Protein backbone atom coordinates (compact mmCIF):
# COMPACT_ATOMS: atom_id res chain seq x y z
CA MET A 1 13.45 17.90 15.35
CA LYS A 2 12.20 16.75 12.15
CA LYS A 3 11.65 12.88 11.33
CA ALA A 4 12.16 11.19 7.94
CA LEU A 5 11.79 7.85 6.36
CA ILE A 6 14.37 6.70 4.16
CA ILE A 7 13.08 3.43 1.71
CA LEU A 8 15.62 1.98 -0.07
CA ASN A 9 14.79 -0.72 -2.77
CA PRO A 10 18.77 -2.42 -2.35
CA CYS A 11 18.18 -4.32 -5.57
CA ALA A 12 16.96 -1.27 -8.08
CA GLY A 13 19.47 -0.73 -11.14
CA VAL A 14 23.06 -1.55 -10.84
CA LYS A 15 22.60 -1.22 -6.81
CA LYS A 16 24.85 1.88 -7.11
CA ALA A 17 22.97 3.83 -4.10
CA ASN A 18 23.58 1.04 -2.00
CA LYS A 19 27.39 2.26 -1.07
CA PHE A 20 26.07 5.70 -0.64
CA MET A 21 23.56 5.16 2.21
CA THR A 22 26.24 6.16 4.93
CA ASP A 23 26.34 9.52 3.37
CA ILE A 24 22.71 9.98 2.61
CA ILE A 25 21.76 9.26 6.04
CA THR A 26 24.78 11.66 7.66
CA LEU A 27 23.43 14.55 5.15
CA PHE A 28 19.93 13.89 6.39
CA CYS A 29 21.23 13.84 10.04
CA GLU A 30 23.17 17.01 9.41
CA SER A 31 20.29 18.80 8.16
CA GLY A 32 18.12 18.48 11.34
CA TYR A 33 16.19 15.14 10.48
CA THR A 34 16.13 12.33 12.84
CA CYS A 35 16.14 8.92 10.36
CA THR A 36 14.51 5.35 10.09
CA VAL A 37 15.76 3.50 7.18
CA GLN A 38 13.99 0.62 5.91
CA THR A 39 14.88 -1.51 2.90
CA THR A 40 12.58 -3.34 0.38
CA THR A 41 12.53 -7.19 0.21
CA ARG A 42 9.80 -8.34 -1.68
CA GLU A 43 7.32 -6.29 -4.31
CA LEU A 44 4.95 -3.93 -2.74
CA ASN A 45 6.94 -3.66 0.16
CA GLY A 46 7.66 -0.25 -0.08
CA TYR A 47 3.76 0.36 0.25
CA GLU A 48 3.75 -1.58 3.15
CA ILE A 49 6.46 0.05 5.28
CA VAL A 50 5.03 3.49 4.59
CA ARG A 51 1.45 2.44 5.52
CA GLN A 52 3.21 0.81 8.86
CA LEU A 53 5.78 3.40 9.45
CA GLY A 54 5.14 6.54 7.57
CA ASP A 55 2.51 8.16 9.96
CA GLY A 56 4.26 11.05 12.20
CA HIS A 57 7.21 11.71 9.81
CA ASP A 58 8.05 15.08 7.84
CA LEU A 59 9.56 13.40 4.88
CA ILE A 60 9.61 10.20 3.38
CA THR A 61 12.29 9.41 0.82
CA CYS A 62 12.38 6.55 -1.59
CA ILE A 63 15.77 5.63 -3.19
CA GLY A 64 14.63 3.02 -6.20
CA GLY A 65 13.34 2.81 -9.25
CA ASP A 66 9.99 4.30 -10.80
CA GLY A 67 8.20 1.29 -9.44
CA THR A 68 9.78 1.72 -5.87
CA TYR A 69 8.69 5.41 -6.13
CA ASN A 70 5.08 4.22 -7.47
CA GLU A 71 4.72 1.95 -4.17
CA VAL A 72 5.67 4.70 -1.73
CA VAL A 73 3.31 7.36 -3.51
CA SER A 74 0.48 4.70 -3.08
CA GLY A 75 1.26 4.11 0.43
CA VAL A 76 1.36 8.06 1.14
CA ILE A 77 -1.95 8.53 -0.69
CA ASP A 78 -3.85 5.53 0.99
CA ALA A 79 -2.83 6.48 4.18
CA GLY A 80 -3.79 9.90 4.24
CA LEU A 81 -0.42 11.12 5.15
CA LYS A 82 0.58 14.90 4.68
CA CYS A 83 4.05 14.62 4.50
CA GLN A 84 6.68 15.76 1.79
CA ILE A 85 8.04 13.27 -0.57
CA GLY A 86 11.78 12.73 -1.62
CA TYR A 87 12.83 10.76 -4.84
CA ILE A 88 16.44 9.42 -5.64
CA PRO A 89 16.25 7.73 -8.84
CA ALA A 90 18.24 4.59 -8.56
CA GLY A 91 16.63 2.50 -11.27
CA SER A 92 17.07 1.48 -14.60
CA THR A 93 15.22 3.93 -16.65
CA ASN A 94 13.87 6.43 -14.21
CA ASP A 95 11.33 8.15 -16.38
CA PHE A 96 9.71 9.76 -14.05
CA GLY A 97 12.94 11.21 -12.68
CA ALA A 98 14.29 12.31 -15.87
CA SER A 99 10.80 14.14 -16.42
CA LEU A 100 11.57 16.40 -13.68
CA GLY A 101 14.89 17.11 -14.39
CA LEU A 102 16.07 15.07 -10.84
CA SER A 103 20.04 14.44 -11.03
CA LYS A 104 21.19 10.79 -11.88
CA ILE A 105 24.08 11.10 -9.58
CA ILE A 106 23.10 9.98 -6.07
CA MET A 107 24.61 12.25 -3.65
CA THR A 108 23.37 15.20 -5.75
CA ALA A 109 19.53 14.18 -6.05
CA ALA A 110 20.09 13.76 -1.96
CA LYS A 111 21.57 16.99 -1.30
CA ASP A 112 18.75 18.39 -3.87
CA ILE A 113 16.00 16.82 -1.24
CA ILE A 114 17.77 18.75 1.50
CA SER A 115 18.00 22.02 -0.20
CA GLY A 116 15.09 21.61 -2.83
CA ARG A 117 11.21 22.86 -2.55
CA ALA A 118 8.16 20.98 -2.10
CA GLN A 119 5.90 21.10 -5.23
CA LYS A 120 2.23 19.56 -5.49
CA PHE A 121 2.18 16.85 -8.23
CA ASP A 122 -1.30 15.11 -9.80
CA VAL A 123 -1.46 11.09 -9.51
CA GLY A 124 -3.83 8.92 -11.90
CA SER A 125 -6.09 6.13 -10.59
CA PHE A 126 -6.75 3.26 -13.24
CA ASN A 127 -9.83 1.34 -11.60
CA GLY A 128 -8.61 2.52 -7.95
CA ARG A 129 -4.98 1.56 -8.20
CA ASN A 130 -2.66 4.44 -8.42
CA PHE A 131 0.22 5.43 -11.01
CA THR A 132 2.48 8.26 -10.89
CA TYR A 133 2.88 9.29 -14.45
CA VAL A 134 1.92 6.55 -17.16
CA ALA A 135 -0.77 3.88 -17.42
CA SER A 136 -0.38 2.33 -21.17
CA CYS A 137 -0.45 -0.85 -23.47
CA GLY A 138 0.00 -2.42 -26.78
CA ALA A 139 3.92 -2.12 -27.98
CA PHE A 140 6.67 -2.66 -25.52
CA THR A 141 4.87 -1.93 -22.23
CA ASP A 142 5.44 -4.98 -21.04
CA THR A 143 9.10 -4.56 -21.54
CA SER A 144 9.51 -3.10 -18.26
CA TYR A 145 8.22 -5.69 -16.36
CA SER A 146 8.84 -8.65 -18.57
CA THR A 147 12.64 -8.20 -18.74
CA PRO A 148 14.95 -9.91 -16.65
CA THR A 149 16.02 -8.10 -13.55
CA ASN A 150 19.65 -9.16 -13.88
CA LEU A 151 19.70 -7.93 -17.59
CA LYS A 152 18.00 -4.59 -16.55
CA ASN A 153 20.56 -4.04 -13.87
CA SER A 154 23.13 -4.90 -16.30
CA LEU A 155 22.44 -3.15 -19.59
CA GLY A 156 20.31 -0.42 -17.72
CA HIS A 157 18.03 1.23 -20.43
CA LEU A 158 19.89 -0.44 -23.59
CA ALA A 159 17.72 -3.38 -21.96
CA TYR A 160 14.24 -2.22 -22.65
CA VAL A 161 15.21 -1.22 -25.87
CA LEU A 162 16.67 -4.96 -27.16
CA GLN A 163 13.85 -6.53 -25.24
CA GLY A 164 11.60 -4.15 -27.11
CA LEU A 165 13.38 -4.91 -30.28
CA SER A 166 12.82 -8.74 -29.89
CA THR A 167 9.12 -8.26 -29.77
CA VAL A 168 8.94 -5.94 -32.72
CA LEU A 169 7.66 -9.24 -35.00
CA ASP A 170 5.15 -10.73 -32.36
CA ILE A 171 3.34 -7.08 -32.29
CA LYS A 172 0.01 -7.57 -32.06
CA PRO A 173 -2.66 -4.44 -32.32
CA VAL A 174 -5.10 -3.40 -29.05
CA HIS A 175 -8.63 -2.62 -29.92
CA LEU A 176 -9.87 0.13 -27.61
CA ALA A 177 -12.45 2.18 -27.18
CA LEU A 178 -11.88 5.61 -25.52
CA THR A 179 -14.44 8.40 -23.89
CA ALA A 180 -12.64 11.83 -23.08
CA ASN A 181 -13.71 15.45 -23.30
CA GLY A 182 -17.25 14.28 -24.61
CA GLU A 183 -15.27 12.40 -27.72
CA LYS A 184 -15.13 8.93 -28.66
CA TYR A 185 -11.87 7.27 -30.30
CA GLU A 186 -11.89 3.51 -30.90
CA ASP A 187 -9.68 1.75 -33.65
CA ASP A 188 -7.03 -1.07 -34.01
CA TYR A 189 -3.64 0.67 -31.90
CA LEU A 190 -0.34 0.01 -32.13
CA PHE A 191 0.22 1.72 -28.64
CA VAL A 192 -1.93 3.47 -26.20
CA GLY A 193 -0.24 5.74 -23.12
CA ILE A 194 -1.84 7.85 -20.74
CA CYS A 195 0.66 9.99 -19.11
CA ASN A 196 1.96 12.80 -16.94
CA SER A 197 5.34 12.46 -17.92
CA THR A 198 7.92 13.74 -20.88
CA SER A 199 9.18 10.08 -21.23
CA LEU A 200 7.55 6.86 -21.72
CA GLY A 201 9.87 3.67 -21.31
CA GLY A 202 12.36 5.69 -22.38
CA LEU A 203 11.18 4.50 -26.27
CA VAL A 204 8.30 7.40 -26.17
CA LYS A 205 8.87 11.20 -25.63
CA ILE A 206 6.62 13.98 -25.23
CA ASP A 207 7.39 17.15 -25.79
CA GLU A 208 7.69 19.28 -22.86
CA LYS A 209 5.23 22.03 -24.12
CA TYR A 210 2.75 19.47 -24.06
CA VAL A 211 3.38 18.09 -20.49
CA ASP A 212 2.23 20.24 -17.12
CA MET A 213 2.65 17.88 -14.35
CA ASN A 214 0.23 19.76 -11.99
CA ASP A 215 -2.60 20.79 -14.52
CA GLY A 216 -5.54 18.02 -13.50
CA LEU A 217 -5.01 16.46 -17.24
CA PHE A 218 -3.39 13.75 -18.29
CA GLU A 219 -1.98 13.58 -22.07
CA VAL A 220 -3.12 10.70 -24.00
CA LEU A 221 -1.29 9.40 -26.84
CA LEU A 222 -2.60 7.09 -29.23
CA VAL A 223 -0.59 5.14 -32.06
CA LYS A 224 -2.65 3.64 -34.76
CA SER A 225 -1.83 0.39 -35.67
CA PRO A 226 0.12 0.62 -39.49
CA LYS A 227 -1.30 -1.61 -42.22
CA ASN A 228 1.39 -0.86 -44.62
CA ILE A 229 5.58 -0.11 -44.56
CA ALA A 230 4.66 3.29 -45.25
CA GLU A 231 2.36 3.95 -42.55
CA TRP A 232 5.24 2.49 -40.35
CA ALA A 233 7.33 5.13 -41.33
CA THR A 234 4.96 7.49 -40.88
CA ILE A 235 4.74 6.52 -37.28
CA LEU A 236 8.41 6.46 -36.34
CA HIS A 237 8.94 10.02 -38.35
CA ASN A 238 6.37 11.54 -36.51
CA LEU A 239 7.49 9.89 -33.31
CA ASN A 240 11.01 10.95 -33.86
CA ILE A 241 10.48 14.82 -34.55
CA GLN A 242 7.32 14.72 -31.71
CA LYS A 243 4.73 15.77 -34.35
CA TYR A 244 1.38 15.05 -33.11
CA GLU A 245 -0.92 17.40 -35.12
CA ASN A 246 -2.31 17.03 -38.51
CA SER A 247 -1.14 13.22 -38.23
CA GLU A 248 -3.13 10.43 -39.55
CA MET A 249 -1.36 8.09 -37.14
CA LEU A 250 -1.08 9.77 -34.31
CA THR A 251 -3.49 11.53 -31.59
CA LEU A 252 -2.36 13.60 -28.76
CA PHE A 253 -5.02 15.23 -26.54
CA SER A 254 -5.24 16.18 -22.74
CA ALA A 255 -8.24 14.80 -20.41
CA SER A 256 -8.99 14.79 -16.73
CA GLU A 257 -10.99 11.24 -17.07
CA ILE A 258 -10.48 8.61 -19.54
CA GLU A 259 -13.48 5.67 -19.66
CA ILE A 260 -12.06 2.62 -22.06
CA VAL A 261 -13.81 -0.37 -22.90
CA ALA A 262 -11.20 -3.18 -24.06
CA ASP A 263 -10.60 -6.98 -24.13
CA GLU A 264 -9.97 -8.12 -20.50
CA SER A 265 -6.94 -10.14 -22.12
CA ILE A 266 -5.09 -6.68 -22.83
CA ASP A 267 -2.71 -5.90 -19.96
CA TRP A 268 -1.42 -2.63 -19.07
CA SER A 269 1.56 -1.20 -17.67
CA LEU A 270 1.21 1.49 -14.52
CA ASP A 271 4.70 2.78 -13.78
CA GLY A 272 6.34 -0.26 -15.38
CA GLU A 273 4.56 -2.64 -13.21
CA ARG A 274 1.99 -5.48 -14.63
CA GLN A 275 -1.49 -4.36 -14.17
CA ILE A 276 -4.14 -7.14 -15.45
CA GLY A 277 -6.40 -5.99 -18.03
CA SER A 278 -10.10 -5.01 -17.30
CA GLU A 279 -13.16 -5.00 -19.73
CA LYS A 280 -13.88 -1.49 -18.38
CA ILE A 281 -11.74 0.67 -17.27
CA SER A 282 -11.82 4.22 -15.70
CA ILE A 283 -8.90 6.44 -15.36
CA LYS A 284 -8.98 9.86 -13.31
CA ASN A 285 -6.88 12.35 -12.60
CA ILE A 286 -6.29 13.03 -8.65
CA ARG A 287 -5.16 16.66 -8.86
CA ASP A 288 -2.41 18.02 -6.06
CA ALA A 289 -2.05 14.17 -4.82
CA ILE A 290 1.17 14.51 -3.26
CA GLU A 291 4.01 17.04 -2.59
CA LEU A 292 7.18 16.20 -3.77
CA ILE A 293 10.83 17.82 -3.27
CA VAL A 294 12.40 19.15 -6.56
CA PRO A 295 15.32 20.77 -6.75
CA ASN A 296 15.20 24.53 -6.57
CA LYS A 297 15.42 26.34 -9.92
CA LYS A 298 18.94 27.78 -11.20
């Protein structure tokens, strides 16, 4: 009989997944799994659970937000496990789940894990710390980890938008020097995103035609710091229509490795979780790092 480890973050989102746990366990058991269920109680607990209990399981399923998913994936990679991963998005924004087309309906997402297919996905390394879909700095990137949990849970995605808008007047550019593909990019930037997703914090979107989550490459989006109202307007317009080519304020390119020199006081966000800044940063794409179950295409 197959074995499944189910890890629930009981505080994720508006806690909507909690009331479906009996149904989820029943579904997995009826599908031939012997289930072990654990709930997270603190930050990084998902990682610890995987490292302690993950060995020997055919499937490890995460129920929570992108931060919990990051912990589970990091645990699987660091433990060298070859199991498949299931993800039931139950957080406030669920960027990564949205990029994959995972259902926001809890039981539909659970059924998709049982009936879905395993697909390999890339994962990123930020100075050795894993991230599943985005490393970013600059405007709004602290929103996900600075917004109070009770506000996230009560207002969901709107909380991120409101928190982001509240910091507009305090936006300060970040000065970075990035090297990738033999090219150097150095400027004052409003936003820097190194991603494997079509959605960044629910605030910045990248057209699906630019994103392949298993090509060994990241999409790197650089948004220059505007010097006047006209440049602000250009940035907002181009981001809204997702126009990156021939733009003086936006740069989008793909790369498997990025080297960055920055002020160590600049903090980053990895999958919505705070990452303390560093003067020298090495970001690498780990191709085929995990096997995630996705819905079968109709």
